[in-house]
Amino acid sequence: MQDRLTELEIKFMQQEQTLEILSEQVYLQQKEIFNLSQQIQILSERLKTLAVSPIASPAEETPPPHY
C-alpha cells in the first residue's frame, strides 16, 4: 500500500512539473503572439502609407495640351 501511495505521489509531482512547464510555455507564446500582433499592426499602417503614391494615376492626370 505504501508503495502505491509513493508511486502516486511521484506521478503527481511529475504532473505538477509538467503543468508548470506548459504554463510557462503558454505564457511565453501569448507574449510572442501579442508582440507579433503589434508588429503586424505597425507594418499594416506602414503599408497603407506606402500605398498612397505621390504620383497621380493616368486617370487623374490632366490631359496634355494639344498642339
PDB file of N, CA and C in Angstrom:
ATOM      1  N   MET A   1       0.821  -1.199   0.000  1.00  0.00           N
ATOM      2  CA  MET A   1       0.000   0.000   0.000  1.00  0.00           C
ATOM      3  C   MET A   1       0.862   1.259   0.000  1.00  0.00           C
ATOM      4  N   GLN A   2       1.900   1.241   0.803  1.00  0.00           N
ATOM      5  CA  GLN A   2       2.797   2.406   0.883  1.00  0.00           C
ATOM      6  C   GLN A   2       3.491   2.651  -0.459  1.00  0.00           C
ATOM      7  N   ASP A   3       3.839   1.565  -1.139  1.00  0.00           N
ATOM      8  CA  ASP A   3       4.492   1.702  -2.447  1.00  0.00           C
ATOM      9  C   ASP A   3       3.559   2.364  -3.465  1.00  0.00           C
ATOM     10  N   ARG A   4       2.299   1.987  -3.422  1.00  0.00           N
ATOM     11  CA  ARG A   4       1.321   2.590  -4.337  1.00  0.00           C
ATOM     12  C   ARG A   4       1.162   4.071  -4.055  1.00  0.00           C
ATOM     13  N   LEU A   5       1.125   4.416  -2.789  1.00  0.00           N
ATOM     14  CA  LEU A   5       0.988   5.818  -2.410  1.00  0.00           C
ATOM     15  C   LEU A   5       2.211   6.615  -2.851  1.00  0.00           C
ATOM     16  N   THR A   6       3.380   6.054  -2.658  1.00  0.00           N
ATOM     17  CA  THR A   6       4.615   6.718  -3.080  1.00  0.00           C
ATOM     18  C   THR A   6       4.629   6.892  -4.594  1.00  0.00           C
ATOM     19  N   GLU A   7       4.208   5.864  -5.302  1.00  0.00           N
ATOM     20  CA  GLU A   7       4.164   5.937  -6.766  1.00  0.00           C
ATOM     21  C   GLU A   7       3.189   7.024  -7.231  1.00  0.00           C
ATOM     22  N   LEU A   8       2.038   7.109  -6.595  1.00  0.00           N
ATOM     23  CA  LEU A   8       1.067   8.149  -6.937  1.00  0.00           C
ATOM     24  C   LEU A   8       1.607   9.541  -6.628  1.00  0.00           C
ATOM     25  N   GLU A   9       2.310   9.682  -5.528  1.00  0.00           N
ATOM     26  CA  GLU A   9       2.900  10.977  -5.179  1.00  0.00           C
ATOM     27  C   GLU A   9       3.943  11.391  -6.209  1.00  0.00           C
ATOM     28  N   ILE A  10       4.736  10.430  -6.659  1.00  0.00           N
ATOM     29  CA  ILE A  10       5.757  10.715  -7.671  1.00  0.00           C
ATOM     30  C   ILE A  10       5.089  11.149  -8.974  1.00  0.00           C
ATOM     31  N   LYS A  11       4.047  10.425  -9.386  1.00  0.00           N
ATOM     32  CA  LYS A  11       3.336  10.785 -10.612  1.00  0.00           C
ATOM     33  C   LYS A  11       2.704  12.165 -10.489  1.00  0.00           C
ATOM     34  N   PHE A  12       2.152  12.441  -9.322  1.00  0.00           N
ATOM     35  CA  PHE A  12       1.544  13.748  -9.097  1.00  0.00           C
ATOM     36  C   PHE A  12       2.588  14.854  -9.201  1.00  0.00           C
ATOM     37  N   MET A  13       3.744  14.655  -8.625  1.00  0.00           N
ATOM     38  CA  MET A  13       4.813  15.655  -8.688  1.00  0.00           C
ATOM     39  C   MET A  13       5.274  15.858 -10.128  1.00  0.00           C
ATOM     40  N   GLN A  14       5.376  14.769 -10.877  1.00  0.00           N
ATOM     41  CA  GLN A  14       5.783  14.878 -12.277  1.00  0.00           C
ATOM     42  C   GLN A  14       4.741  15.654 -13.081  1.00  0.00           C
ATOM     43  N   GLN A  15       3.480  15.402 -12.797  1.00  0.00           N
ATOM     44  CA  GLN A  15       2.419  16.125 -13.499  1.00  0.00           C
ATOM     45  C   GLN A  15       2.423  17.602 -13.117  1.00  0.00           C
ATOM     46  N   GLU A  16       2.698  17.902 -11.871  1.00  0.00           N
ATOM     47  CA  GLU A  16       2.802  19.302 -11.448  1.00  0.00           C
ATOM     48  C   GLU A  16       3.934  20.000 -12.182  1.00  0.00           C
ATOM     49  N   GLN A  17       5.061  19.314 -12.298  1.00  0.00           N
ATOM     50  CA  GLN A  17       6.209  19.869 -13.022  1.00  0.00           C
ATOM     51  C   GLN A  17       5.850  20.125 -14.480  1.00  0.00           C
ATOM     52  N   THR A  18       5.227  19.153 -15.090  1.00  0.00           N
ATOM     53  CA  THR A  18       4.825  19.286 -16.485  1.00  0.00           C
ATOM     54  C   THR A  18       3.847  20.439 -16.657  1.00  0.00           C
ATOM     55  N   LEU A  19       2.914  20.567 -15.740  1.00  0.00           N
ATOM     56  CA  LEU A  19       1.944  21.654 -15.799  1.00  0.00           C
ATOM     57  C   LEU A  19       2.628  23.011 -15.672  1.00  0.00           C
ATOM     58  N   GLU A  20       3.598  23.125 -14.803  1.00  0.00           N
ATOM     59  CA  GLU A  20       4.342  24.378 -14.660  1.00  0.00           C
ATOM     60  C   GLU A  20       5.091  24.720 -15.942  1.00  0.00           C
ATOM     61  N   ILE A  21       5.726  23.733 -16.539  1.00  0.00           N
ATOM     62  CA  ILE A  21       6.466  23.945 -17.791  1.00  0.00           C
ATOM     63  C   ILE A  21       5.506  24.386 -18.896  1.00  0.00           C
ATOM     64  N   LEU A  22       4.371  23.702 -18.997  1.00  0.00           N
ATOM     65  CA  LEU A  22       3.392  24.054 -20.029  1.00  0.00           C
ATOM     66  C   LEU A  22       2.805  25.442 -19.795  1.00  0.00           C
ATOM     67  N   SER A  23       2.558  25.774 -18.554  1.00  0.00           N
ATOM     68  CA  SER A  23       2.030  27.110 -18.246  1.00  0.00           C
ATOM     69  C   SER A  23       3.024  28.187 -18.648  1.00  0.00           C
ATOM     70  N   GLU A  24       4.280  27.950 -18.383  1.00  0.00           N
ATOM     71  CA  GLU A  24       5.321  28.910 -18.768  1.00  0.00           C
ATOM     72  C   GLU A  24       5.381  29.049 -20.287  1.00  0.00           C
ATOM     73  N   GLN A  25       5.275  27.935 -20.990  1.00  0.00           N
ATOM     74  CA  GLN A  25       5.301  27.976 -22.449  1.00  0.00           C
ATOM     75  C   GLN A  25       4.096  28.731 -23.004  1.00  0.00           C
ATOM     76  N   VAL A  26       2.932  28.502 -22.426  1.00  0.00           N
ATOM     77  CA  VAL A  26       1.731  29.215 -22.871  1.00  0.00           C
ATOM     78  C   VAL A  26       1.906  30.711 -22.648  1.00  0.00           C
ATOM     79  N   TYR A  27       2.461  31.080 -21.498  1.00  0.00           N
ATOM     80  CA  TYR A  27       2.705  32.493 -21.205  1.00  0.00           C
ATOM     81  C   TYR A  27       3.653  33.103 -22.234  1.00  0.00           C
ATOM     82  N   LEU A  28       4.751  32.415 -22.524  1.00  0.00           N
ATOM     83  CA  LEU A  28       5.726  32.930 -23.484  1.00  0.00           C
ATOM     84  C   LEU A  28       5.127  33.028 -24.886  1.00  0.00           C
ATOM     85  N   GLN A  29       4.343  32.042 -25.264  1.00  0.00           N
ATOM     86  CA  GLN A  29       3.719  32.080 -26.585  1.00  0.00           C
ATOM     87  C   GLN A  29       2.690  33.204 -26.682  1.00  0.00           C
ATOM     88  N   GLN A  30       1.942  33.417 -25.613  1.00  0.00           N
ATOM     89  CA  GLN A  30       0.961  34.504 -25.623  1.00  0.00           C
ATOM     90  C   GLN A  30       1.663  35.849 -25.743  1.00  0.00           C
ATOM     91  N   LYS A  31       2.783  35.983 -25.056  1.00  0.00           N
ATOM     92  CA  LYS A  31       3.582  37.208 -25.137  1.00  0.00           C
ATOM     93  C   LYS A  31       4.098  37.414 -26.565  1.00  0.00           C
ATOM     94  N   GLU A  32       4.563  36.344 -27.180  1.00  0.00           N
ATOM     95  CA  GLU A  32       5.063  36.411 -28.555  1.00  0.00           C
ATOM     96  C   GLU A  32       3.935  36.759 -29.532  1.00  0.00           C
ATOM     97  N   ILE A  33       2.777  36.169 -29.334  1.00  0.00           N
ATOM     98  CA  ILE A  33       1.623  36.480 -30.186  1.00  0.00           C
ATOM     99  C   ILE A  33       1.270  37.955 -30.068  1.00  0.00           C
ATOM    100  N   PHE A  34       1.293  38.492 -28.859  1.00  0.00           N
ATOM    101  CA  PHE A  34       0.999  39.907 -28.647  1.00  0.00           C
ATOM    102  C   PHE A  34       2.010  40.773 -29.389  1.00  0.00           C
ATOM    103  N   ASN A  35       3.296  40.445 -29.258  1.00  0.00           N
ATOM    104  CA  ASN A  35       4.342  41.212 -29.946  1.00  0.00           C
ATOM    105  C   ASN A  35       4.185  41.132 -31.461  1.00  0.00           C
ATOM    106  N   LEU A  36       3.898  39.953 -31.968  1.00  0.00           N
ATOM    107  CA  LEU A  36       3.720  39.791 -33.410  1.00  0.00           C
ATOM    108  C   LEU A  36       2.488  40.550 -33.902  1.00  0.00           C
ATOM    109  N   SER A  37       1.433  40.558 -33.112  1.00  0.00           N
ATOM    110  CA  SER A  37       0.237  41.317 -33.489  1.00  0.00           C
ATOM    111  C   SER A  37       0.538  42.805 -33.578  1.00  0.00           C
ATOM    112  N   GLN A  38       1.332  43.300 -32.644  1.00  0.00           N
ATOM    113  CA  GLN A  38       1.722  44.710 -32.689  1.00  0.00           C
ATOM    114  C   GLN A  38       2.559  45.002 -33.931  1.00  0.00           C
ATOM    115  N   GLN A  39       3.480  44.112 -34.256  1.00  0.00           N
ATOM    116  CA  GLN A  39       4.315  44.310 -35.439  1.00  0.00           C
ATOM    117  C   GLN A  39       3.468  44.277 -36.710  1.00  0.00           C
ATOM    118  N   ILE A  40       2.497  43.383 -36.763  1.00  0.00           N
ATOM    119  CA  ILE A  40       1.609  43.324 -37.925  1.00  0.00           C
ATOM    120  C   ILE A  40       0.844  44.631 -38.062  1.00  0.00           C
ATOM    121  N   GLN A  41       0.370  45.162 -36.948  1.00  0.00           N
ATOM    122  CA  GLN A  41      -0.366  46.433 -36.983  1.00  0.00           C
ATOM    123  C   GLN A  41       0.529  47.554 -37.500  1.00  0.00           C
ATOM    124  N   ILE A  42       1.767  47.616 -37.017  1.00  0.00           N
ATOM    125  CA  ILE A  42       2.712  48.651 -37.455  1.00  0.00           C
ATOM    126  C   ILE A  42       3.003  48.508 -38.946  1.00  0.00           C
ATOM    127  N   LEU A  43       3.265  47.282 -39.379  1.00  0.00           N
ATOM    128  CA  LEU A  43       3.557  47.052 -40.796  1.00  0.00           C
ATOM    129  C   LEU A  43       2.339  47.341 -41.674  1.00  0.00           C
ATOM    130  N   SER A  44       1.168  47.039 -41.179  1.00  0.00           N
ATOM    131  CA  SER A  44      -0.051  47.327 -41.932  1.00  0.00           C
ATOM    132  C   SER A  44      -0.220  48.830 -42.128  1.00  0.00           C
ATOM    133  N   GLU A  45       0.021  49.595 -41.082  1.00  0.00           N
ATOM    134  CA  GLU A  45      -0.068  51.055 -41.195  1.00  0.00           C
ATOM    135  C   GLU A  45       0.998  51.594 -42.145  1.00  0.00           C
ATOM    136  N   ARG A  46       2.200  51.034 -42.061  1.00  0.00           N
ATOM    137  CA  ARG A  46       3.281  51.469 -42.950  1.00  0.00           C
ATOM    138  C   ARG A  46       2.934  51.153 -44.401  1.00  0.00           C
ATOM    139  N   LEU A  47       2.349  49.991 -44.624  1.00  0.00           N
ATOM    140  CA  LEU A  47       1.958  49.601 -45.976  1.00  0.00           C
ATOM    141  C   LEU A  47       0.887  50.538 -46.526  1.00  0.00           C
ATOM    142  N   LYS A  48      -0.039  50.950 -45.671  1.00  0.00           N
ATOM    143  CA  LYS A  48      -1.074  51.889 -46.113  1.00  0.00           C
ATOM    144  C   LYS A  48      -0.453  53.212 -46.540  1.00  0.00           C
ATOM    145  N   THR A  49       0.550  53.688 -45.809  1.00  0.00           N
ATOM    146  CA  THR A  49       1.184  54.955 -46.182  1.00  0.00           C
ATOM    147  C   THR A  49       1.996  54.803 -47.458  1.00  0.00           C
ATOM    148  N   LEU A  50       2.570  53.633 -47.682  1.00  0.00           N
ATOM    149  CA  LEU A  50       3.327  53.411 -48.914  1.00  0.00           C
ATOM    150  C   LEU A  50       2.396  53.248 -50.110  1.00  0.00           C
ATOM    151  N   ALA A  51       1.197  52.771 -49.872  1.00  0.00           N
ATOM    152  CA  ALA A  51       0.247  52.562 -50.963  1.00  0.00           C
ATOM    153  C   ALA A  51      -0.231  53.887 -51.535  1.00  0.00           C
ATOM    154  N   VAL A  52      -0.205  54.940 -50.732  1.00  0.00           N
ATOM    155  CA  VAL A  52      -0.593  56.264 -51.217  1.00  0.00           C
ATOM    156  C   VAL A  52       0.614  56.845 -51.933  1.00  0.00           C
ATOM    157  N   SER A  53       0.556  56.860 -53.240  1.00  0.00           N
ATOM    158  CA  SER A  53       1.684  57.304 -54.050  1.00  0.00           C
ATOM    159  C   SER A  53       1.561  58.792 -54.360  1.00  0.00           C
ATOM    160  N   PRO A  54       2.673  59.522 -54.314  1.00  0.00           N
ATOM    161  CA  PRO A  54       2.619  60.935 -54.678  1.00  0.00           C
ATOM    162  C   PRO A  54       2.428  61.140 -56.182  1.00  0.00           C
ATOM    163  N   ILE A  55       2.616  60.101 -56.952  1.00  0.00           N
ATOM    164  CA  ILE A  55       2.453  60.188 -58.405  1.00  0.00           C
ATOM    165  C   ILE A  55       0.996  59.907 -58.736  1.00  0.00           C
ATOM    166  N   ALA A  56       0.394  60.791 -59.491  1.00  0.00           N
ATOM    167  CA  ALA A  56      -1.015  60.626 -59.854  1.00  0.00           C
ATOM    168  C   ALA A  56      -1.159  59.496 -60.866  1.00  0.00           C
ATOM    169  N   SER A  57      -2.276  58.820 -60.784  1.00  0.00           N
ATOM    170  CA  SER A  57      -2.535  57.758 -61.750  1.00  0.00           C
ATOM    171  C   SER A  57      -2.876  58.405 -63.094  1.00  0.00           C
ATOM    172  N   PRO A  58      -2.713  57.689 -64.193  1.00  0.00           N
ATOM    173  CA  PRO A  58      -3.007  58.269 -65.511  1.00  0.00           C
ATOM    174  C   PRO A  58      -4.440  58.810 -65.607  1.00  0.00           C
ATOM    175  N   ALA A  59      -5.383  58.211 -64.928  1.00  0.00           N
ATOM    176  CA  ALA A  59      -6.767  58.688 -64.980  1.00  0.00           C
ATOM    177  C   ALA A  59      -6.919  60.032 -64.282  1.00  0.00           C
ATOM    178  N   GLU A  60      -6.062  60.313 -63.309  1.00  0.00           N
ATOM    179  CA  GLU A  60      -6.150  61.565 -62.555  1.00  0.00           C
ATOM    180  C   GLU A  60      -5.350  62.697 -63.190  1.00  0.00           C
ATOM    181  N   GLU A  61      -4.459  62.379 -64.097  1.00  0.00           N
ATOM    182  CA  GLU A  61      -3.609  63.404 -64.713  1.00  0.00           C
ATOM    183  C   GLU A  61      -4.417  64.267 -65.679  1.00  0.00           C
ATOM    184  N   THR A  62      -4.040  65.522 -65.745  1.00  0.00           N
ATOM    185  CA  THR A  62      -4.680  66.404 -66.732  1.00  0.00           C
ATOM    186  C   THR A  62      -4.136  66.047 -68.107  1.00  0.00           C
ATOM    187  N   PRO A  63      -4.984  66.110 -69.097  1.00  0.00           N
ATOM    188  CA  PRO A  63      -4.508  65.741 -70.440  1.00  0.00           C
ATOM    189  C   PRO A  63      -3.472  66.757 -70.928  1.00  0.00           C
ATOM    190  N   PRO A  64      -2.529  66.302 -71.729  1.00  0.00           N
ATOM    191  CA  PRO A  64      -1.512  67.221 -72.240  1.00  0.00           C
ATOM    192  C   PRO A  64      -2.137  68.221 -73.211  1.00  0.00           C
ATOM    193  N   PRO A  65      -1.537  69.384 -73.331  1.00  0.00           N
ATOM    194  CA  PRO A  65      -2.085  70.371 -74.280  1.00  0.00           C
ATOM    195  C   PRO A  65      -1.901  69.870 -75.718  1.00  0.00           C
ATOM    196  N   HIS A  66      -2.868  70.180 -76.534  1.00  0.00           N
ATOM    197  CA  HIS A  66      -2.790  69.755 -77.940  1.00  0.00           C
ATOM    198  C   HIS A  66      -2.115  70.843 -78.753  1.00  0.00           C
ATOM    199  N   TYR A  67      -1.273  70.450 -79.664  1.00  0.00           N
ATOM    200  CA  TYR A  67      -0.531  71.420 -80.489  1.00  0.00           C
ATOM    201  C   TYR A  67      -1.209  71.641 -81.795  1.00  0.00           C
TER     202      TYR A  67
END
